PDB file of N, CA and C in Angstrom:
ATOM      1  N   MET A   1      -8.623 -18.752 -14.243  1.00  0.00           N
ATOM      2  CA  MET A   1      -8.777 -19.684 -15.406  1.00  0.00           C
ATOM      3  C   MET A   1      -7.839 -19.195 -16.381  1.00  0.00           C
ATOM      4  N   VAL A   2      -7.092 -19.836 -17.040  1.00  0.00           N
ATOM      5  CA  VAL A   2      -6.244 -19.558 -18.124  1.00  0.00           C
ATOM      6  C   VAL A   2      -7.034 -19.843 -19.496  1.00  0.00           C
ATOM      7  N   SER A   3      -7.066 -18.782 -20.285  1.00  0.00           N
ATOM      8  CA  SER A   3      -7.683 -18.855 -21.547  1.00  0.00           C
ATOM      9  C   SER A   3      -6.814 -19.194 -22.626  1.00  0.00           C
ATOM     10  N   ALA A   4      -7.142 -19.945 -23.614  1.00  0.00           N
ATOM     11  CA  ALA A   4      -6.310 -20.280 -24.734  1.00  0.00           C
ATOM     12  C   ALA A   4      -6.008 -19.118 -25.587  1.00  0.00           C
ATOM     13  N   ASP A   5      -4.940 -18.956 -26.103  1.00  0.00           N
ATOM     14  CA  ASP A   5      -4.485 -17.897 -26.931  1.00  0.00           C
ATOM     15  C   ASP A   5      -4.986 -18.208 -28.385  1.00  0.00           C
ATOM     16  N   ALA A   6      -5.962 -17.348 -28.907  1.00  0.00           N
ATOM     17  CA  ALA A   6      -6.516 -17.690 -30.156  1.00  0.00           C
ATOM     18  C   ALA A   6      -5.550 -17.560 -31.351  1.00  0.00           C
ATOM     19  N   SER A   7      -4.494 -16.743 -31.118  1.00  0.00           N
ATOM     20  CA  SER A   7      -3.436 -16.701 -32.232  1.00  0.00           C
ATOM     21  C   SER A   7      -2.371 -17.718 -32.201  1.00  0.00           C
ATOM     22  N   ALA A   8      -2.469 -18.637 -31.284  1.00  0.00           N
ATOM     23  CA  ALA A   8      -1.409 -19.589 -31.148  1.00  0.00           C
ATOM     24  C   ALA A   8      -1.343 -20.517 -32.387  1.00  0.00           C
ATOM     25  N   PRO A   9      -0.136 -20.775 -32.894  1.00  0.00           N
ATOM     26  CA  PRO A   9      -0.148 -21.542 -34.177  1.00  0.00           C
ATOM     27  C   PRO A   9      -0.520 -22.894 -34.078  1.00  0.00           C
ATOM     28  N   GLU A  10      -0.953 -23.601 -35.007  1.00  0.00           N
ATOM     29  CA  GLU A  10      -1.308 -24.922 -35.060  1.00  0.00           C
ATOM     30  C   GLU A  10      -0.026 -25.883 -34.698  1.00  0.00           C
ATOM     31  N   PRO A  11      -0.202 -26.838 -33.918  1.00  0.00           N
ATOM     32  CA  PRO A  11       1.034 -27.611 -33.762  1.00  0.00           C
ATOM     33  C   PRO A  11       1.502 -28.300 -34.914  1.00  0.00           C
ATOM     34  N   ALA A  12       2.814 -28.496 -35.047  1.00  0.00           N
ATOM     35  CA  ALA A  12       3.369 -29.185 -36.150  1.00  0.00           C
ATOM     36  C   ALA A  12       3.046 -30.604 -36.081  1.00  0.00           C
ATOM     37  N   VAL A  13       3.095 -31.409 -37.217  1.00  0.00           N
ATOM     38  CA  VAL A  13       2.728 -32.776 -37.051  1.00  0.00           C
ATOM     39  C   VAL A  13       4.088 -33.584 -37.361  1.00  0.00           C
ATOM     40  N   VAL A  14       4.352 -34.424 -36.397  1.00  0.00           N
ATOM     41  CA  VAL A  14       5.556 -35.130 -36.556  1.00  0.00           C
ATOM     42  C   VAL A  14       5.500 -36.557 -36.956  1.00  0.00           C
ATOM     43  N   GLU A  15       6.228 -37.085 -37.764  1.00  0.00           N
ATOM     44  CA  GLU A  15       6.229 -38.481 -38.108  1.00  0.00           C
ATOM     45  C   GLU A  15       7.528 -39.067 -37.784  1.00  0.00           C
ATOM     46  N   ILE A  16       7.518 -40.096 -36.995  1.00  0.00           N
ATOM     47  CA  ILE A  16       8.653 -40.848 -36.519  1.00  0.00           C
ATOM     48  C   ILE A  16       8.638 -42.217 -36.947  1.00  0.00           C
ATOM     49  N   ARG A  17       9.583 -42.628 -37.698  1.00  0.00           N
ATOM     50  CA  ARG A  17       9.598 -44.040 -38.209  1.00  0.00           C
ATOM     51  C   ARG A  17      10.752 -44.778 -37.189  1.00  0.00           C
ATOM     52  N   VAL A  18      10.271 -45.904 -36.753  1.00  0.00           N
ATOM     53  CA  VAL A  18      11.118 -46.798 -35.952  1.00  0.00           C
ATOM     54  C   VAL A  18      11.077 -48.215 -36.508  1.00  0.00           C
ATOM     55  N   THR A  19      12.095 -48.894 -36.085  1.00  0.00           N
ATOM     56  CA  THR A  19      12.233 -50.235 -36.646  1.00  0.00           C
ATOM     57  C   THR A  19      11.414 -51.184 -35.797  1.00  0.00           C
ATOM     58  N   GLY A  20      10.637 -52.153 -36.543  1.00  0.00           N
ATOM     59  CA  GLY A  20       9.806 -53.020 -35.890  1.00  0.00           C
ATOM     60  C   GLY A  20       8.386 -52.614 -35.634  1.00  0.00           C
ATOM     61  N   VAL A  21       7.696 -53.288 -34.849  1.00  0.00           N
ATOM     62  CA  VAL A  21       6.379 -53.055 -34.497  1.00  0.00           C
ATOM     63  C   VAL A  21       6.325 -52.503 -33.033  1.00  0.00           C
ATOM     64  N   VAL A  22       5.643 -51.299 -32.862  1.00  0.00           N
ATOM     65  CA  VAL A  22       5.466 -50.696 -31.649  1.00  0.00           C
ATOM     66  C   VAL A  22       4.264 -51.334 -30.903  1.00  0.00           C
ATOM     67  N   GLY A  23       4.525 -52.094 -29.796  1.00  0.00           N
ATOM     68  CA  GLY A  23       3.388 -52.667 -29.041  1.00  0.00           C
ATOM     69  C   GLY A  23       2.523 -51.814 -28.304  1.00  0.00           C
ATOM     70  N   GLU A  24       1.389 -52.257 -27.751  1.00  0.00           N
ATOM     71  CA  GLU A  24       0.496 -51.544 -27.012  1.00  0.00           C
ATOM     72  C   GLU A  24       1.231 -50.835 -25.802  1.00  0.00           C
ATOM     73  N   LEU A  25       1.883 -51.528 -25.222  1.00  0.00           N
ATOM     74  CA  LEU A  25       2.465 -50.839 -23.963  1.00  0.00           C
ATOM     75  C   LEU A  25       3.454 -49.661 -24.372  1.00  0.00           C
ATOM     76  N   SER A  26       4.217 -49.864 -25.307  1.00  0.00           N
ATOM     77  CA  SER A  26       5.041 -48.815 -25.836  1.00  0.00           C
ATOM     78  C   SER A  26       4.172 -47.563 -26.462  1.00  0.00           C
ATOM     79  N   MET A  27       3.134 -47.887 -27.062  1.00  0.00           N
ATOM     80  CA  MET A  27       2.218 -46.888 -27.645  1.00  0.00           C
ATOM     81  C   MET A  27       1.457 -46.114 -26.657  1.00  0.00           C
ATOM     82  N   ALA A  28       1.384 -46.569 -25.352  1.00  0.00           N
ATOM     83  CA  ALA A  28       0.876 -45.825 -24.397  1.00  0.00           C
ATOM     84  C   ALA A  28       1.685 -44.632 -24.080  1.00  0.00           C
ATOM     85  N   SER A  29       2.975 -44.556 -24.462  1.00  0.00           N
ATOM     86  CA  SER A  29       3.953 -43.524 -24.218  1.00  0.00           C
ATOM     87  C   SER A  29       3.735 -42.395 -25.185  1.00  0.00           C
ATOM     88  N   PHE A  30       2.918 -42.608 -26.211  1.00  0.00           N
ATOM     89  CA  PHE A  30       2.814 -41.834 -27.336  1.00  0.00           C
ATOM     90  C   PHE A  30       1.248 -41.314 -27.571  1.00  0.00           C
ATOM     91  N   GLU A  31       0.662 -40.935 -26.302  1.00  0.00           N
ATOM     92  CA  GLU A  31      -0.662 -40.414 -26.316  1.00  0.00           C
ATOM     93  C   GLU A  31      -0.847 -39.363 -27.440  1.00  0.00           C
ATOM     94  N   GLY A  32      -2.062 -39.469 -28.169  1.00  0.00           N
ATOM     95  CA  GLY A  32      -2.286 -38.488 -29.094  1.00  0.00           C
ATOM     96  C   GLY A  32      -1.661 -38.744 -30.536  1.00  0.00           C
ATOM     97  N   PHE A  33      -0.936 -39.783 -30.621  1.00  0.00           N
ATOM     98  CA  PHE A  33      -0.305 -40.210 -31.814  1.00  0.00           C
ATOM     99  C   PHE A  33      -1.056 -41.510 -32.372  1.00  0.00           C
ATOM    100  N   THR A  34      -0.832 -41.628 -33.687  1.00  0.00           N
ATOM    101  CA  THR A  34      -1.491 -42.833 -34.333  1.00  0.00           C
ATOM    102  C   THR A  34      -0.194 -43.560 -34.821  1.00  0.00           C
ATOM    103  N   SER A  35      -0.460 -44.770 -35.103  1.00  0.00           N
ATOM    104  CA  SER A  35       0.703 -45.593 -35.835  1.00  0.00           C
ATOM    105  C   SER A  35       0.242 -46.343 -36.974  1.00  0.00           C
ATOM    106  N   VAL A  36       1.235 -46.508 -37.860  1.00  0.00           N
ATOM    107  CA  VAL A  36       0.886 -47.216 -39.131  1.00  0.00           C
ATOM    108  C   VAL A  36       2.093 -48.310 -39.108  1.00  0.00           C
ATOM    109  N   VAL A  37       1.677 -49.559 -39.217  1.00  0.00           N
ATOM    110  CA  VAL A  37       2.612 -50.741 -39.243  1.00  0.00           C
ATOM    111  C   VAL A  37       2.885 -51.000 -40.681  1.00  0.00           C
ATOM    112  N   GLU A  38       4.226 -51.098 -40.997  1.00  0.00           N
ATOM    113  CA  GLU A  38       4.684 -51.419 -42.295  1.00  0.00           C
ATOM    114  C   GLU A  38       5.441 -52.776 -42.197  1.00  0.00           C
ATOM    115  N   PRO A  39       5.911 -53.218 -43.163  1.00  0.00           N
ATOM    116  CA  PRO A  39       6.683 -54.621 -43.213  1.00  0.00           C
ATOM    117  C   PRO A  39       7.697 -54.676 -42.124  1.00  0.00           C
ATOM    118  N   VAL A  40       8.486 -53.591 -42.089  1.00  0.00           N
ATOM    119  CA  VAL A  40       9.778 -53.661 -41.240  1.00  0.00           C
ATOM    120  C   VAL A  40       9.997 -52.477 -40.316  1.00  0.00           C
ATOM    121  N   SER A  41       8.875 -51.757 -40.205  1.00  0.00           N
ATOM    122  CA  SER A  41       8.869 -50.541 -39.324  1.00  0.00           C
ATOM    123  C   SER A  41       7.402 -49.937 -39.051  1.00  0.00           C
ATOM    124  N   THR A  42       7.383 -49.160 -38.188  1.00  0.00           N
ATOM    125  CA  THR A  42       6.213 -48.396 -37.633  1.00  0.00           C
ATOM    126  C   THR A  42       6.426 -46.836 -37.737  1.00  0.00           C
ATOM    127  N   THR A  43       5.394 -46.199 -38.280  1.00  0.00           N
ATOM    128  CA  THR A  43       5.364 -44.755 -38.296  1.00  0.00           C
ATOM    129  C   THR A  43       4.411 -44.280 -37.374  1.00  0.00           C
ATOM    130  N   LEU A  44       4.861 -43.368 -36.379  1.00  0.00           N
ATOM    131  CA  LEU A  44       4.077 -42.808 -35.487  1.00  0.00           C
ATOM    132  C   LEU A  44       3.776 -41.389 -35.893  1.00  0.00           C
ATOM    133  N   ARG A  45       2.542 -40.806 -35.835  1.00  0.00           N
ATOM    134  CA  ARG A  45       2.356 -39.624 -36.408  1.00  0.00           C
ATOM    135  C   ARG A  45       1.457 -38.883 -35.403  1.00  0.00           C
ATOM    136  N   GLY A  46       1.833 -37.646 -34.988  1.00  0.00           N
ATOM    137  CA  GLY A  46       0.910 -36.824 -34.099  1.00  0.00           C
ATOM    138  C   GLY A  46       1.533 -35.382 -33.880  1.00  0.00           C
ATOM    139  N   PRO A  47       0.862 -34.615 -33.139  1.00  0.00           N
ATOM    140  CA  PRO A  47       1.088 -33.221 -32.921  1.00  0.00           C
ATOM    141  C   PRO A  47       2.261 -33.075 -31.973  1.00  0.00           C
ATOM    142  N   VAL A  48       3.100 -31.935 -32.232  1.00  0.00           N
ATOM    143  CA  VAL A  48       4.142 -31.534 -31.402  1.00  0.00           C
ATOM    144  C   VAL A  48       4.096 -29.908 -31.455  1.00  0.00           C
ATOM    145  N   ARG A  49       3.957 -29.368 -30.191  1.00  0.00           N
ATOM    146  CA  ARG A  49       3.770 -27.856 -30.274  1.00  0.00           C
ATOM    147  C   ARG A  49       5.072 -26.935 -30.161  1.00  0.00           C
ATOM    148  N   ASP A  50       6.041 -27.513 -29.693  1.00  0.00           N
ATOM    149  CA  ASP A  50       7.349 -26.762 -29.682  1.00  0.00           C
ATOM    150  C   ASP A  50       8.605 -27.672 -29.550  1.00  0.00           C
ATOM    151  N   GLU A  51       9.729 -27.019 -29.533  1.00  0.00           N
ATOM    152  CA  GLU A  51      10.964 -27.852 -29.507  1.00  0.00           C
ATOM    153  C   GLU A  51      11.218 -28.588 -28.217  1.00  0.00           C
ATOM    154  N   ALA A  52      10.595 -28.127 -27.123  1.00  0.00           N
ATOM    155  CA  ALA A  52      10.689 -28.925 -25.858  1.00  0.00           C
ATOM    156  C   ALA A  52       9.959 -30.150 -25.952  1.00  0.00           C
ATOM    157  N   GLU A  53       8.680 -30.016 -26.600  1.00  0.00           N
ATOM    158  CA  GLU A  53       7.862 -31.228 -26.681  1.00  0.00           C
ATOM    159  C   GLU A  53       8.501 -32.222 -27.681  1.00  0.00           C
ATOM    160  N   LEU A  54       9.182 -31.852 -28.760  1.00  0.00           N
ATOM    161  CA  LEU A  54       9.781 -32.590 -29.698  1.00  0.00           C
ATOM    162  C   LEU A  54      11.010 -33.344 -28.901  1.00  0.00           C
ATOM    163  N   ALA A  55      11.753 -32.672 -28.112  1.00  0.00           N
ATOM    164  CA  ALA A  55      12.872 -33.177 -27.456  1.00  0.00           C
ATOM    165  C   ALA A  55      12.360 -34.276 -26.482  1.00  0.00           C
ATOM    166  N   ASP A  56      11.159 -34.037 -25.757  1.00  0.00           N
ATOM    167  CA  ASP A  56      10.570 -34.969 -24.855  1.00  0.00           C
ATOM    168  C   ASP A  56      10.173 -36.186 -25.744  1.00  0.00           C
ATOM    169  N   LEU A  57       9.632 -36.043 -26.917  1.00  0.00           N
ATOM    170  CA  LEU A  57       9.138 -37.180 -27.613  1.00  0.00           C
ATOM    171  C   LEU A  57      10.296 -37.979 -28.043  1.00  0.00           C
ATOM    172  N   VAL A  58      11.357 -37.424 -28.366  1.00  0.00           N
ATOM    173  CA  VAL A  58      12.730 -38.189 -28.822  1.00  0.00           C
ATOM    174  C   VAL A  58      13.087 -38.978 -27.740  1.00  0.00           C
ATOM    175  N   ARG A  59      13.037 -38.413 -26.374  1.00  0.00           N
ATOM    176  CA  ARG A  59      13.462 -39.191 -25.171  1.00  0.00           C
ATOM    177  C   ARG A  59      12.493 -40.322 -24.962  1.00  0.00           C
ATOM    178  N   ARG A  60      11.202 -40.208 -25.221  1.00  0.00           N
ATOM    179  CA  ARG A  60      10.190 -41.270 -25.033  1.00  0.00           C
ATOM    180  C   ARG A  60      10.551 -42.316 -26.059  1.00  0.00           C
ATOM    181  N   VAL A  61      11.004 -42.115 -27.222  1.00  0.00           N
ATOM    182  CA  VAL A  61      11.395 -43.060 -28.184  1.00  0.00           C
ATOM    183  C   VAL A  61      12.584 -43.943 -27.635  1.00  0.00           C
ATOM    184  N   ARG A  62      13.544 -43.194 -27.185  1.00  0.00           N
ATOM    185  CA  ARG A  62      14.751 -43.765 -26.608  1.00  0.00           C
ATOM    186  C   ARG A  62      14.350 -44.641 -25.373  1.00  0.00           C
ATOM    187  N   ASP A  63      13.516 -44.077 -24.506  1.00  0.00           N
ATOM    188  CA  ASP A  63      13.261 -44.721 -23.243  1.00  0.00           C
ATOM    189  C   ASP A  63      12.378 -46.084 -23.608  1.00  0.00           C
ATOM    190  N   ALA A  64      11.627 -45.982 -24.509  1.00  0.00           N
ATOM    191  CA  ALA A  64      10.847 -47.205 -24.951  1.00  0.00           C
ATOM    192  C   ALA A  64      11.668 -48.355 -25.638  1.00  0.00           C
ATOM    193  N   GLY A  65      12.977 -48.044 -25.815  1.00  0.00           N
ATOM    194  CA  GLY A  65      13.922 -48.996 -26.458  1.00  0.00           C
ATOM    195  C   GLY A  65      13.707 -49.055 -27.880  1.00  0.00           C
ATOM    196  N   LEU A  66      13.124 -48.073 -28.502  1.00  0.00           N
ATOM    197  CA  LEU A  66      12.838 -48.182 -30.138  1.00  0.00           C
ATOM    198  C   LEU A  66      13.996 -47.595 -30.812  1.00  0.00           C
ATOM    199  N   ASP A  67      14.307 -48.268 -31.992  1.00  0.00           N
ATOM    200  CA  ASP A  67      15.374 -47.863 -32.909  1.00  0.00           C
ATOM    201  C   ASP A  67      14.710 -46.683 -33.795  1.00  0.00           C
ATOM    202  N   LEU A  68      15.264 -45.476 -33.724  1.00  0.00           N
ATOM    203  CA  LEU A  68      14.679 -44.498 -34.466  1.00  0.00           C
ATOM    204  C   LEU A  68      15.316 -44.482 -35.825  1.00  0.00           C
ATOM    205  N   VAL A  69      14.567 -44.601 -36.879  1.00  0.00           N
ATOM    206  CA  VAL A  69      14.948 -44.722 -38.267  1.00  0.00           C
ATOM    207  C   VAL A  69      14.960 -43.133 -38.832  1.00  0.00           C
ATOM    208  N   SER A  70      13.899 -42.493 -38.712  1.00  0.00           N
ATOM    209  CA  SER A  70      13.715 -41.194 -39.207  1.00  0.00           C
ATOM    210  C   SER A  70      12.830 -40.371 -38.317  1.00  0.00           C
ATOM    211  N   LEU A  71      12.847 -38.973 -38.384  1.00  0.00           N
ATOM    212  CA  LEU A  71      12.035 -38.199 -37.820  1.00  0.00           C
ATOM    213  C   LEU A  71      11.800 -36.943 -38.755  1.00  0.00           C
ATOM    214  N   ARG A  72      10.439 -36.651 -38.982  1.00  0.00           N
ATOM    215  CA  ARG A  72      10.159 -35.549 -40.020  1.00  0.00           C
ATOM    216  C   ARG A  72       9.059 -34.719 -39.498  1.00  0.00           C
ATOM    217  N   VAL A  73       9.344 -33.405 -39.443  1.00  0.00           N
ATOM    218  CA  VAL A  73       8.407 -32.432 -39.007  1.00  0.00           C
ATOM    219  C   VAL A  73       7.622 -31.916 -40.203  1.00  0.00           C
ATOM    220  N   THR A  74       6.279 -32.033 -40.211  1.00  0.00           N
ATOM    221  CA  THR A  74       5.531 -31.514 -41.395  1.00  0.00           C
ATOM    222  C   THR A  74       4.872 -30.176 -40.965  1.00  0.00           C
ATOM    223  N   GLU A  75       4.004 -29.652 -41.774  1.00  0.00           N
ATOM    224  CA  GLU A  75       3.199 -28.417 -41.449  1.00  0.00           C
ATOM    225  C   GLU A  75       2.153 -28.734 -40.479  1.00  0.00           C
ATOM    226  N   GLY A  76       1.577 -27.830 -39.687  1.00  0.00           N
ATOM    227  CA  GLY A  76       0.533 -28.130 -38.649  1.00  0.00           C
ATOM    228  C   GLY A  76      -0.728 -28.694 -39.365  1.00  0.00           C
ATOM    229  N   GLY A  77      -1.532 -29.203 -38.555  1.00  0.00           N
ATOM    230  CA  GLY A  77      -2.836 -29.647 -39.080  1.00  0.00           C
ATOM    231  C   GLY A  77      -3.126 -31.110 -38.296  1.00  0.00           C
ATOM    232  N   PRO A  78      -4.323 -31.518 -38.585  1.00  0.00           N
ATOM    233  CA  PRO A  78      -4.693 -32.741 -37.738  1.00  0.00           C
ATOM    234  C   PRO A  78      -3.974 -34.112 -38.296  1.00  0.00           C
ATOM    235  N   THR A  79      -3.861 -35.048 -37.554  1.00  0.00           N
ATOM    236  CA  THR A  79      -3.357 -36.391 -38.289  1.00  0.00           C
ATOM    237  C   THR A  79      -4.662 -36.969 -39.004  1.00  0.00           C
ATOM    238  N   THR A  80      -4.321 -37.729 -39.947  1.00  0.00           N
ATOM    239  CA  THR A  80      -5.383 -38.498 -40.843  1.00  0.00           C
ATOM    240  C   THR A  80      -6.143 -39.437 -40.096  1.00  0.00           C
ATOM    241  N   ASP A  81      -7.332 -39.597 -40.431  1.00  0.00           N
ATOM    242  CA  ASP A  81      -8.222 -40.652 -39.920  1.00  0.00           C
ATOM    243  C   ASP A  81      -7.855 -42.023 -40.654  1.00  0.00           C
ATOM    244  N   GLN A  82      -6.973 -41.937 -41.702  1.00  0.00           N
ATOM    245  CA  GLN A  82      -6.793 -43.191 -42.214  1.00  0.00           C
ATOM    246  C   GLN A  82      -5.551 -43.997 -41.462  1.00  0.00           C
ATOM    247  N   ASP A  83      -4.876 -43.327 -40.614  1.00  0.00           N
ATOM    248  CA  ASP A  83      -3.884 -43.891 -39.753  1.00  0.00           C
ATOM    249  C   ASP A  83      -4.606 -45.076 -38.937  1.00  0.00           C
ATOM    250  N   GLU A  84      -3.754 -46.060 -38.682  1.00  0.00           N
ATOM    251  CA  GLU A  84      -4.303 -47.120 -37.774  1.00  0.00           C
ATOM    252  C   GLU A  84      -3.534 -47.172 -36.462  1.00  0.00           C
ATOM    253  N   ARG A  85      -4.116 -47.221 -35.450  1.00  0.00           N
ATOM    254  CA  ARG A  85      -3.399 -47.439 -34.207  1.00  0.00           C
ATOM    255  C   ARG A  85      -3.398 -48.911 -33.768  1.00  0.00           C
ATOM    256  N   ARG A  86      -2.269 -49.388 -33.726  1.00  0.00           N
ATOM    257  CA  ARG A  86      -1.985 -50.883 -33.582  1.00  0.00           C
ATOM    258  C   ARG A  86      -1.246 -51.073 -32.199  1.00  0.00           C
TER     259      ARG A  86
END
């Protein structure tokens, strides 16, 4: 059995803004992420542990056919409960 490293840092929280509304089918590619729909864009927010996971996330945005507007890495911590998944 593999034990979790208690000293492992908290994952960073990533905010990805894409053009338009992200539908349910596309959201399935972003498990663990929340989404906030704004007038002309959607912001996806969720944890990323390392650069490899970040690169995979950007690939998933591309593979879903979404137009990436911005990507911002913030300090670690949970996503907010106020985010709405749509």
